[in-house]
Amino acid sequence: MSTDRFARRNTKRKPKIKTKKKDPLFVEGARPRPMYVDYKDLELLSRLTNRQGRIVSRRKTGCTAVSQHAVTRAIKRARFMALLPYVAD
C-alpha cells in the first residue's frame, strides 16, 4: 500500500475567505422602505428562482429575512397572475 494517499490527507489547506453576499434588493447599500418587491419585475424574480421554478434560499441569494419574505410574496403573486410558472418544463 502506498503512503502517498495518507500524506495528502494530512496537508493543511488554505483557509477560504468568506465574503458576505450582498442583498440583491438593496438600493445603494440601504434597504428600501417600505420593503416591496414588484411582482411584475420578472428579471429580478427569475434570478431568485432556480431552473425548476423553485424559490432560492436566503443562504444562496444573500437576502435578509425581510427581503426574502418580500421576494416570496412577489413570486407567489407573479405565479398567480401567470407571469411565472409554478413548475418549469
Protein backbone atom coordinates (compact mmCIF):
# COMPACT_ATOMS: atom_id res chain seq x y z
CA MET A 1 0.00 0.00 0.00
CA SER A 2 1.20 3.45 -0.79
CA THR A 3 1.59 6.05 1.92
CA ASP A 4 1.06 8.91 -0.54
CA ARG A 5 -2.67 8.64 -0.13
CA PHE A 6 -2.44 9.30 3.60
CA ALA A 7 0.13 12.05 3.23
CA ARG A 8 -2.20 14.10 1.02
CA ARG A 9 -4.98 13.85 3.57
CA ASN A 10 -2.94 15.47 6.34
CA THR A 11 -1.76 18.50 4.36
CA LYS A 12 -3.17 21.81 5.50
CA ARG A 13 -5.46 23.66 3.19
CA LYS A 14 -5.56 27.40 2.82
CA PRO A 15 -8.47 28.87 4.78
CA LYS A 16 -11.20 30.14 2.49
CA ILE A 17 -12.07 33.77 2.91
CA LYS A 18 -15.82 34.07 3.30
CA THR A 19 -17.28 37.16 1.71
CA LYS A 20 -20.68 38.34 2.77
CA LYS A 21 -23.19 38.19 -0.06
CA LYS A 22 -24.90 41.41 -0.98
CA ASP A 23 -28.67 41.58 -0.83
CA PRO A 24 -29.96 41.90 -4.43
CA LEU A 25 -32.84 44.12 -3.31
CA PHE A 26 -30.82 46.80 -1.54
CA VAL A 27 -30.59 50.12 -3.35
CA GLU A 28 -27.21 51.84 -2.92
CA GLY A 29 -26.43 49.66 0.09
CA ALA A 30 -29.59 50.53 2.00
CA ARG A 31 -32.84 48.67 2.43
CA PRO A 32 -35.75 50.33 0.62
CA ARG A 33 -38.55 51.38 2.96
CA PRO A 34 -41.19 50.08 2.82
CA MET A 35 -39.81 46.75 1.66
CA TYR A 36 -41.69 45.91 -1.53
CA VAL A 37 -40.73 43.77 -4.49
CA ASP A 38 -42.71 44.36 -7.66
CA TYR A 39 -44.25 41.11 -8.88
CA LYS A 40 -44.03 42.41 -12.47
CA ASP A 41 -40.22 42.66 -12.31
CA LEU A 42 -39.62 39.29 -13.94
CA GLU A 43 -35.89 39.83 -14.45
CA LEU A 44 -35.31 40.10 -10.69
CA LEU A 45 -37.71 37.30 -9.80
CA SER A 46 -36.22 34.91 -12.34
CA ARG A 47 -32.78 35.47 -10.76
CA LEU A 48 -34.24 34.48 -7.40
CA THR A 49 -35.74 31.22 -8.69
CA ASN A 50 -33.88 28.18 -9.95
CA ARG A 51 -34.35 26.24 -13.18
CA GLN A 52 -37.15 24.15 -11.71
CA GLY A 53 -39.05 27.30 -10.73
CA ARG A 54 -38.42 26.98 -7.00
CA ILE A 55 -37.61 29.92 -4.76
CA VAL A 56 -33.89 30.04 -3.98
CA SER A 57 -32.96 30.06 -0.29
CA ARG A 58 -31.59 33.03 1.64
CA ARG A 59 -28.27 31.31 2.09
CA LYS A 60 -27.66 31.23 -1.66
CA THR A 61 -29.10 34.62 -2.62
CA GLY A 62 -27.78 36.64 0.30
CA CYS A 63 -31.19 38.17 1.08
CA THR A 64 -32.07 39.28 4.57
CA ALA A 65 -35.14 37.77 6.23
CA VAL A 66 -37.28 40.83 5.50
CA SER A 67 -36.32 40.94 1.84
CA GLN A 68 -36.75 37.17 1.45
CA HIS A 69 -40.33 37.46 2.73
CA ALA A 70 -40.99 40.22 0.18
CA VAL A 71 -39.42 38.13 -2.60
CA THR A 72 -41.52 35.10 -1.67
CA ARG A 73 -44.69 37.19 -1.66
CA ALA A 74 -43.83 38.69 -5.08
CA ILE A 75 -43.01 35.31 -6.64
CA LYS A 76 -46.27 33.82 -5.40
CA ARG A 77 -48.21 36.80 -6.78
CA ALA A 78 -46.44 36.51 -10.14
CA ARG A 79 -47.27 32.80 -10.27
CA PHE A 80 -50.92 33.51 -9.51
CA MET A 81 -51.03 36.13 -12.29
CA ALA A 82 -49.39 33.57 -14.65
CA LEU A 83 -46.25 35.65 -15.12
CA LEU A 84 -44.01 32.93 -13.66
CA PRO A 85 -44.53 29.18 -13.88
CA TYR A 86 -45.26 27.10 -10.81
CA VAL A 87 -43.14 24.27 -12.23
CA ALA A 88 -40.65 24.54 -15.10
CA ASP A 89 -40.94 22.17 -18.04
